[in-house]
Amino acid sequence: MPAPAVPRERLHDILTTHIGLEPEQIDDGLSLAELGIDSIGVIELEKVLQDDYGISLPDESQAMTIAEIHAHINAAPGSEN
């Protein structure tokens, strides 16, 4: 059975609880780098996505916007759209 799609709110929750962003900082049009998320934060984000959903991020994920990451994780094999 395919994994369920990851809601945008869940991605935002991961960014606040695991990465340390404040909810008002999150702007889907900004990249992880623009939000101040360093390579360690990207690794933590990927770890949560891998553990919870079996989804990996591409190498260039730090330059991707939140919206692009959300689209990527929901287009990953095993995700329902």
PDB file of N, CA and C in Angstrom:
ATOM      1  N   MET A   1       0.849  -1.184   0.000  1.00  0.00           N
ATOM      2  CA  MET A   1       0.000   0.000   0.000  1.00  0.00           C
ATOM      3  C   MET A   1       0.894   1.245   0.000  1.00  0.00           C
ATOM      4  N   PRO A   2       0.633   2.203  -0.887  1.00  0.00           N
ATOM      5  CA  PRO A   2       1.469   3.406  -0.959  1.00  0.00           C
ATOM      6  C   PRO A   2       1.345   4.250   0.303  1.00  0.00           C
ATOM      7  N   ALA A   3       2.419   4.974   0.603  1.00  0.00           N
ATOM      8  CA  ALA A   3       2.411   5.886   1.742  1.00  0.00           C
ATOM      9  C   ALA A   3       1.495   7.062   1.441  1.00  0.00           C
ATOM     10  N   PRO A   4       0.848   7.606   2.457  1.00  0.00           N
ATOM     11  CA  PRO A   4      -0.013   8.764   2.219  1.00  0.00           C
ATOM     12  C   PRO A   4       0.815   9.993   1.868  1.00  0.00           C
ATOM     13  N   ALA A   5       0.175  10.914   1.174  1.00  0.00           N
ATOM     14  CA  ALA A   5       0.833  12.184   0.856  1.00  0.00           C
ATOM     15  C   ALA A   5       1.168  12.910   2.156  1.00  0.00           C
ATOM     16  N   VAL A   6       2.229  13.686   2.123  1.00  0.00           N
ATOM     17  CA  VAL A   6       2.647  14.454   3.291  1.00  0.00           C
ATOM     18  C   VAL A   6       1.976  15.827   3.218  1.00  0.00           C
ATOM     19  N   PRO A   7       1.094  16.140   4.158  1.00  0.00           N
ATOM     20  CA  PRO A   7       0.442  17.451   4.131  1.00  0.00           C
ATOM     21  C   PRO A   7       1.456  18.576   4.347  1.00  0.00           C
ATOM     22  N   ARG A   8       1.189  19.714   3.756  1.00  0.00           N
ATOM     23  CA  ARG A   8       2.062  20.884   3.918  1.00  0.00           C
ATOM     24  C   ARG A   8       2.216  21.233   5.403  1.00  0.00           C
ATOM     25  N   GLU A   9       1.134  21.091   6.164  1.00  0.00           N
ATOM     26  CA  GLU A   9       1.180  21.401   7.588  1.00  0.00           C
ATOM     27  C   GLU A   9       2.166  20.486   8.319  1.00  0.00           C
ATOM     28  N   ARG A  10       2.275  19.227   7.885  1.00  0.00           N
ATOM     29  CA  ARG A  10       3.224  18.306   8.512  1.00  0.00           C
ATOM     30  C   ARG A  10       4.659  18.746   8.231  1.00  0.00           C
ATOM     31  N   LEU A  11       4.922  19.182   6.997  1.00  0.00           N
ATOM     32  CA  LEU A  11       6.246  19.679   6.661  1.00  0.00           C
ATOM     33  C   LEU A  11       6.573  20.903   7.518  1.00  0.00           C
ATOM     34  N   HIS A  12       5.623  21.808   7.668  1.00  0.00           N
ATOM     35  CA  HIS A  12       5.821  22.987   8.515  1.00  0.00           C
ATOM     36  C   HIS A  12       6.081  22.563   9.963  1.00  0.00           C
ATOM     37  N   ASP A  13       5.347  21.558  10.435  1.00  0.00           N
ATOM     38  CA  ASP A  13       5.532  21.053  11.795  1.00  0.00           C
ATOM     39  C   ASP A  13       6.945  20.510  11.989  1.00  0.00           C
ATOM     40  N   ILE A  14       7.447  19.771  11.015  1.00  0.00           N
ATOM     41  CA  ILE A  14       8.808  19.239  11.090  1.00  0.00           C
ATOM     42  C   ILE A  14       9.812  20.391  11.174  1.00  0.00           C
ATOM     43  N   LEU A  15       9.589  21.426  10.370  1.00  0.00           N
ATOM     44  CA  LEU A  15      10.507  22.569  10.364  1.00  0.00           C
ATOM     45  C   LEU A  15      10.513  23.309  11.700  1.00  0.00           C
ATOM     46  N   THR A  16       9.388  23.323  12.392  1.00  0.00           N
ATOM     47  CA  THR A  16       9.353  24.011  13.687  1.00  0.00           C
ATOM     48  C   THR A  16       9.845  23.122  14.818  1.00  0.00           C
ATOM     49  N   THR A  17       9.405  21.874  14.865  1.00  0.00           N
ATOM     50  CA  THR A  17       9.750  21.021  15.998  1.00  0.00           C
ATOM     51  C   THR A  17      11.137  20.402  15.902  1.00  0.00           C
ATOM     52  N   HIS A  18      11.584  20.076  14.709  1.00  0.00           N
ATOM     53  CA  HIS A  18      12.875  19.399  14.565  1.00  0.00           C
ATOM     54  C   HIS A  18      14.004  20.339  14.127  1.00  0.00           C
ATOM     55  N   ILE A  19      13.666  21.397  13.400  1.00  0.00           N
ATOM     56  CA  ILE A  19      14.690  22.292  12.870  1.00  0.00           C
ATOM     57  C   ILE A  19      14.806  23.567  13.712  1.00  0.00           C
ATOM     58  N   GLY A  20      13.735  23.943  14.394  1.00  0.00           N
ATOM     59  CA  GLY A  20      13.785  25.096  15.281  1.00  0.00           C
ATOM     60  C   GLY A  20      13.288  26.402  14.699  1.00  0.00           C
ATOM     61  N   LEU A  21      12.645  26.356  13.538  1.00  0.00           N
ATOM     62  CA  LEU A  21      12.081  27.590  12.986  1.00  0.00           C
ATOM     63  C   LEU A  21      10.833  27.979  13.775  1.00  0.00           C
ATOM     64  N   GLU A  22      10.570  29.256  13.829  1.00  0.00           N
ATOM     65  CA  GLU A  22       9.316  29.742  14.391  1.00  0.00           C
ATOM     66  C   GLU A  22       8.264  29.670  13.283  1.00  0.00           C
ATOM     67  N   PRO A  23       7.013  29.355  13.617  1.00  0.00           N
ATOM     68  CA  PRO A  23       5.978  29.233  12.578  1.00  0.00           C
ATOM     69  C   PRO A  23       5.876  30.451  11.663  1.00  0.00           C
ATOM     70  N   GLU A  24       6.061  31.645  12.222  1.00  0.00           N
ATOM     71  CA  GLU A  24       5.945  32.853  11.399  1.00  0.00           C
ATOM     72  C   GLU A  24       7.124  33.040  10.442  1.00  0.00           C
ATOM     73  N   GLN A  25       8.217  32.309  10.643  1.00  0.00           N
ATOM     74  CA  GLN A  25       9.370  32.378   9.739  1.00  0.00           C
ATOM     75  C   GLN A  25       9.132  31.603   8.447  1.00  0.00           C
ATOM     76  N   ILE A  26       8.260  30.621   8.499  1.00  0.00           N
ATOM     77  CA  ILE A  26       8.098  29.710   7.369  1.00  0.00           C
ATOM     78  C   ILE A  26       7.345  30.397   6.246  1.00  0.00           C
ATOM     79  N   ASP A  27       8.003  30.465   5.106  1.00  0.00           N
ATOM     80  CA  ASP A  27       7.448  31.041   3.884  1.00  0.00           C
ATOM     81  C   ASP A  27       7.731  30.031   2.786  1.00  0.00           C
ATOM     82  N   ASP A  28       6.679  29.481   2.194  1.00  0.00           N
ATOM     83  CA  ASP A  28       6.849  28.422   1.200  1.00  0.00           C
ATOM     84  C   ASP A  28       7.654  28.859  -0.020  1.00  0.00           C
ATOM     85  N   GLY A  29       7.810  30.155  -0.227  1.00  0.00           N
ATOM     86  CA  GLY A  29       8.567  30.664  -1.363  1.00  0.00           C
ATOM     87  C   GLY A  29      10.050  30.840  -1.094  1.00  0.00           C
ATOM     88  N   LEU A  30      10.476  30.592   0.146  1.00  0.00           N
ATOM     89  CA  LEU A  30      11.893  30.737   0.498  1.00  0.00           C
ATOM     90  C   LEU A  30      12.584  29.382   0.513  1.00  0.00           C
ATOM     91  N   SER A  31      13.865  29.399   0.169  1.00  0.00           N
ATOM     92  CA  SER A  31      14.655  28.165   0.209  1.00  0.00           C
ATOM     93  C   SER A  31      15.063  27.868   1.647  1.00  0.00           C
ATOM     94  N   LEU A  32      15.510  26.646   1.869  1.00  0.00           N
ATOM     95  CA  LEU A  32      16.017  26.292   3.194  1.00  0.00           C
ATOM     96  C   LEU A  32      17.175  27.205   3.573  1.00  0.00           C
ATOM     97  N   ALA A  33      18.057  27.497   2.615  1.00  0.00           N
ATOM     98  CA  ALA A  33      19.194  28.384   2.887  1.00  0.00           C
ATOM     99  C   ALA A  33      18.709  29.781   3.270  1.00  0.00           C
ATOM    100  N   GLU A  34      17.707  30.290   2.556  1.00  0.00           N
ATOM    101  CA  GLU A  34      17.173  31.620   2.862  1.00  0.00           C
ATOM    102  C   GLU A  34      16.513  31.660   4.236  1.00  0.00           C
ATOM    103  N   LEU A  35      16.021  30.520   4.693  1.00  0.00           N
ATOM    104  CA  LEU A  35      15.426  30.440   6.025  1.00  0.00           C
ATOM    105  C   LEU A  35      16.483  30.244   7.118  1.00  0.00           C
ATOM    106  N   GLY A  36      17.752  30.138   6.698  1.00  0.00           N
ATOM    107  CA  GLY A  36      18.836  29.990   7.653  1.00  0.00           C
ATOM    108  C   GLY A  36      19.083  28.555   8.090  1.00  0.00           C
ATOM    109  N   ILE A  37      18.559  27.602   7.341  1.00  0.00           N
ATOM    110  CA  ILE A  37      18.754  26.191   7.681  1.00  0.00           C
ATOM    111  C   ILE A  37      20.074  25.734   7.069  1.00  0.00           C
ATOM    112  N   ASP A  38      20.987  25.313   7.934  1.00  0.00           N
ATOM    113  CA  ASP A  38      22.302  24.869   7.479  1.00  0.00           C
ATOM    114  C   ASP A  38      22.271  23.390   7.095  1.00  0.00           C
ATOM    115  N   SER A  39      23.426  22.860   6.726  1.00  0.00           N
ATOM    116  CA  SER A  39      23.493  21.475   6.260  1.00  0.00           C
ATOM    117  C   SER A  39      23.075  20.484   7.346  1.00  0.00           C
ATOM    118  N   ILE A  40      23.326  20.800   8.604  1.00  0.00           N
ATOM    119  CA  ILE A  40      22.901  19.930   9.701  1.00  0.00           C
ATOM    120  C   ILE A  40      21.376  19.907   9.778  1.00  0.00           C
ATOM    121  N   GLY A  41      20.754  21.053   9.591  1.00  0.00           N
ATOM    122  CA  GLY A  41      19.288  21.124   9.576  1.00  0.00           C
ATOM    123  C   GLY A  41      18.692  20.342   8.422  1.00  0.00           C
ATOM    124  N   VAL A  42      19.343  20.393   7.269  1.00  0.00           N
ATOM    125  CA  VAL A  42      18.876  19.630   6.108  1.00  0.00           C
ATOM    126  C   VAL A  42      18.965  18.133   6.406  1.00  0.00           C
ATOM    127  N   ILE A  43      20.056  17.719   7.049  1.00  0.00           N
ATOM    128  CA  ILE A  43      20.218  16.307   7.413  1.00  0.00           C
ATOM    129  C   ILE A  43      19.110  15.885   8.380  1.00  0.00           C
ATOM    130  N   GLU A  44      18.798  16.726   9.344  1.00  0.00           N
ATOM    131  CA  GLU A  44      17.730  16.419  10.301  1.00  0.00           C
ATOM    132  C   GLU A  44      16.380  16.322   9.598  1.00  0.00           C
ATOM    133  N   LEU A  45      16.104  17.251   8.682  1.00  0.00           N
ATOM    134  CA  LEU A  45      14.858  17.212   7.915  1.00  0.00           C
ATOM    135  C   LEU A  45      14.767  15.909   7.128  1.00  0.00           C
ATOM    136  N   GLU A  46      15.856  15.567   6.460  1.00  0.00           N
ATOM    137  CA  GLU A  46      15.854  14.335   5.676  1.00  0.00           C
ATOM    138  C   GLU A  46      15.680  13.109   6.574  1.00  0.00           C
ATOM    139  N   LYS A  47      16.293  13.118   7.742  1.00  0.00           N
ATOM    140  CA  LYS A  47      16.167  11.987   8.665  1.00  0.00           C
ATOM    141  C   LYS A  47      14.709  11.782   9.066  1.00  0.00           C
ATOM    142  N   VAL A  48      14.015  12.864   9.403  1.00  0.00           N
ATOM    143  CA  VAL A  48      12.606  12.755   9.793  1.00  0.00           C
ATOM    144  C   VAL A  48      11.769  12.250   8.617  1.00  0.00           C
ATOM    145  N   LEU A  49      11.998  12.808   7.429  1.00  0.00           N
ATOM    146  CA  LEU A  49      11.237  12.370   6.255  1.00  0.00           C
ATOM    147  C   LEU A  49      11.529  10.914   5.927  1.00  0.00           C
ATOM    148  N   GLN A  50      12.779  10.506   6.086  1.00  0.00           N
ATOM    149  CA  GLN A  50      13.152   9.116   5.814  1.00  0.00           C
ATOM    150  C   GLN A  50      12.514   8.184   6.845  1.00  0.00           C
ATOM    151  N   ASP A  51      12.612   8.541   8.122  1.00  0.00           N
ATOM    152  CA  ASP A  51      12.060   7.698   9.189  1.00  0.00           C
ATOM    153  C   ASP A  51      10.532   7.599   9.111  1.00  0.00           C
ATOM    154  N   ASP A  52       9.867   8.731   8.862  1.00  0.00           N
ATOM    155  CA  ASP A  52       8.407   8.759   8.891  1.00  0.00           C
ATOM    156  C   ASP A  52       7.759   8.334   7.583  1.00  0.00           C
ATOM    157  N   TYR A  53       8.417   8.626   6.450  1.00  0.00           N
ATOM    158  CA  TYR A  53       7.776   8.414   5.156  1.00  0.00           C
ATOM    159  C   TYR A  53       8.616   7.631   4.156  1.00  0.00           C
ATOM    160  N   GLY A  54       9.864   7.341   4.490  1.00  0.00           N
ATOM    161  CA  GLY A  54      10.731   6.618   3.557  1.00  0.00           C
ATOM    162  C   GLY A  54      11.140   7.451   2.358  1.00  0.00           C
ATOM    163  N   ILE A  55      11.199   8.780   2.544  1.00  0.00           N
ATOM    164  CA  ILE A  55      11.491   9.702   1.443  1.00  0.00           C
ATOM    165  C   ILE A  55      12.838  10.380   1.668  1.00  0.00           C
ATOM    166  N   SER A  56      13.665  10.407   0.626  1.00  0.00           N
ATOM    167  CA  SER A  56      14.954  11.100   0.663  1.00  0.00           C
ATOM    168  C   SER A  56      14.847  12.431  -0.070  1.00  0.00           C
ATOM    169  N   LEU A  57      15.709  13.349   0.307  1.00  0.00           N
ATOM    170  CA  LEU A  57      15.769  14.649  -0.375  1.00  0.00           C
ATOM    171  C   LEU A  57      16.926  14.640  -1.363  1.00  0.00           C
ATOM    172  N   PRO A  58      16.811  15.415  -2.448  1.00  0.00           N
ATOM    173  CA  PRO A  58      17.931  15.503  -3.387  1.00  0.00           C
ATOM    174  C   PRO A  58      19.092  16.293  -2.786  1.00  0.00           C
ATOM    175  N   ASP A  59      20.257  16.131  -3.380  1.00  0.00           N
ATOM    176  CA  ASP A  59      21.459  16.816  -2.889  1.00  0.00           C
ATOM    177  C   ASP A  59      21.292  18.332  -2.846  1.00  0.00           C
ATOM    178  N   GLU A  60      20.521  18.879  -3.770  1.00  0.00           N
ATOM    179  CA  GLU A  60      20.357  20.335  -3.856  1.00  0.00           C
ATOM    180  C   GLU A  60      19.214  20.855  -2.981  1.00  0.00           C
ATOM    181  N   SER A  61      18.745  20.075  -2.024  1.00  0.00           N
ATOM    182  CA  SER A  61      17.572  20.454  -1.243  1.00  0.00           C
ATOM    183  C   SER A  61      17.746  21.753  -0.463  1.00  0.00           C
ATOM    184  N   GLN A  62      18.957  22.099  -0.053  1.00  0.00           N
ATOM    185  CA  GLN A  62      19.159  23.340   0.699  1.00  0.00           C
ATOM    186  C   GLN A  62      18.820  24.564  -0.156  1.00  0.00           C
ATOM    187  N   ALA A  63      18.937  24.434  -1.467  1.00  0.00           N
ATOM    188  CA  ALA A  63      18.609  25.541  -2.368  1.00  0.00           C
ATOM    189  C   ALA A  63      17.148  25.512  -2.820  1.00  0.00           C
ATOM    190  N   MET A  64      16.424  24.467  -2.454  1.00  0.00           N
ATOM    191  CA  MET A  64      15.024  24.339  -2.855  1.00  0.00           C
ATOM    192  C   MET A  64      14.125  25.126  -1.907  1.00  0.00           C
ATOM    193  N   THR A  65      13.008  25.633  -2.459  1.00  0.00           N
ATOM    194  CA  THR A  65      12.024  26.308  -1.616  1.00  0.00           C
ATOM    195  C   THR A  65      11.209  25.261  -0.862  1.00  0.00           C
ATOM    196  N   ILE A  66      10.515  25.715   0.163  1.00  0.00           N
ATOM    197  CA  ILE A  66       9.641  24.815   0.916  1.00  0.00           C
ATOM    198  C   ILE A  66       8.597  24.217  -0.019  1.00  0.00           C
ATOM    199  N   ALA A  67       8.046  25.028  -0.921  1.00  0.00           N
ATOM    200  CA  ALA A  67       7.050  24.536  -1.879  1.00  0.00           C
ATOM    201  C   ALA A  67       7.653  23.459  -2.792  1.00  0.00           C
ATOM    202  N   GLU A  68       8.893  23.656  -3.226  1.00  0.00           N
ATOM    203  CA  GLU A  68       9.552  22.657  -4.077  1.00  0.00           C
ATOM    204  C   GLU A  68       9.821  21.369  -3.305  1.00  0.00           C
ATOM    205  N   ILE A  69      10.211  21.492  -2.056  1.00  0.00           N
ATOM    206  CA  ILE A  69      10.438  20.300  -1.239  1.00  0.00           C
ATOM    207  C   ILE A  69       9.131  19.561  -1.026  1.00  0.00           C
ATOM    208  N   HIS A  70       8.061  20.302  -0.745  1.00  0.00           N
ATOM    209  CA  HIS A  70       6.751  19.670  -0.551  1.00  0.00           C
ATOM    210  C   HIS A  70       6.328  18.926  -1.817  1.00  0.00           C
ATOM    211  N   ALA A  71       6.501  19.545  -2.977  1.00  0.00           N
ATOM    212  CA  ALA A  71       6.165  18.881  -4.241  1.00  0.00           C
ATOM    213  C   ALA A  71       7.032  17.644  -4.452  1.00  0.00           C
ATOM    214  N   HIS A  72       8.316  17.737  -4.123  1.00  0.00           N
ATOM    215  CA  HIS A  72       9.234  16.605  -4.291  1.00  0.00           C
ATOM    216  C   HIS A  72       8.818  15.424  -3.421  1.00  0.00           C
ATOM    217  N   ILE A  73       8.536  15.671  -2.154  1.00  0.00           N
ATOM    218  CA  ILE A  73       8.225  14.557  -1.269  1.00  0.00           C
ATOM    219  C   ILE A  73       6.885  13.917  -1.618  1.00  0.00           C
ATOM    220  N   ASN A  74       5.962  14.682  -2.190  1.00  0.00           N
ATOM    221  CA  ASN A  74       4.690  14.097  -2.582  1.00  0.00           C
ATOM    222  C   ASN A  74       4.723  13.471  -3.973  1.00  0.00           C
ATOM    223  N   ALA A  75       5.788  13.737  -4.730  1.00  0.00           N
ATOM    224  CA  ALA A  75       5.964  13.098  -6.033  1.00  0.00           C
ATOM    225  C   ALA A  75       6.860  11.864  -5.919  1.00  0.00           C
ATOM    226  N   ALA A  76       7.445  11.667  -4.730  1.00  0.00           N
ATOM    227  CA  ALA A  76       8.349  10.538  -4.530  1.00  0.00           C
ATOM    228  C   ALA A  76       7.594   9.221  -4.690  1.00  0.00           C
ATOM    229  N   PRO A  77       8.247   8.198  -5.195  1.00  0.00           N
ATOM    230  CA  PRO A  77       7.586   6.882  -5.302  1.00  0.00           C
ATOM    231  C   PRO A  77       7.056   6.447  -3.952  1.00  0.00           C
ATOM    232  N   GLY A  78       5.832   5.960  -3.972  1.00  0.00           N
ATOM    233  CA  GLY A  78       5.209   5.495  -2.739  1.00  0.00           C
ATOM    234  C   GLY A  78       4.309   6.519  -2.086  1.00  0.00           C
ATOM    235  N   SER A  79       4.300   7.768  -2.597  1.00  0.00           N
ATOM    236  CA  SER A  79       3.423   8.790  -2.063  1.00  0.00           C
ATOM    237  C   SER A  79       2.174   8.876  -2.908  1.00  0.00           C
ATOM    238  N   GLU A  80       1.023   8.996  -2.243  1.00  0.00           N
ATOM    239  CA  GLU A  80      -0.224   9.205  -2.964  1.00  0.00           C
ATOM    240  C   GLU A  80      -0.431  10.705  -3.110  1.00  0.00           C
ATOM    241  N   ASN A  81      -0.929  11.140  -4.255  1.00  0.00           N
ATOM    242  CA  ASN A  81      -1.226  12.560  -4.447  1.00  0.00           C
ATOM    243  C   ASN A  81      -2.703  12.787  -4.438  1.00  0.00           C
TER     244      ASN A  81
END
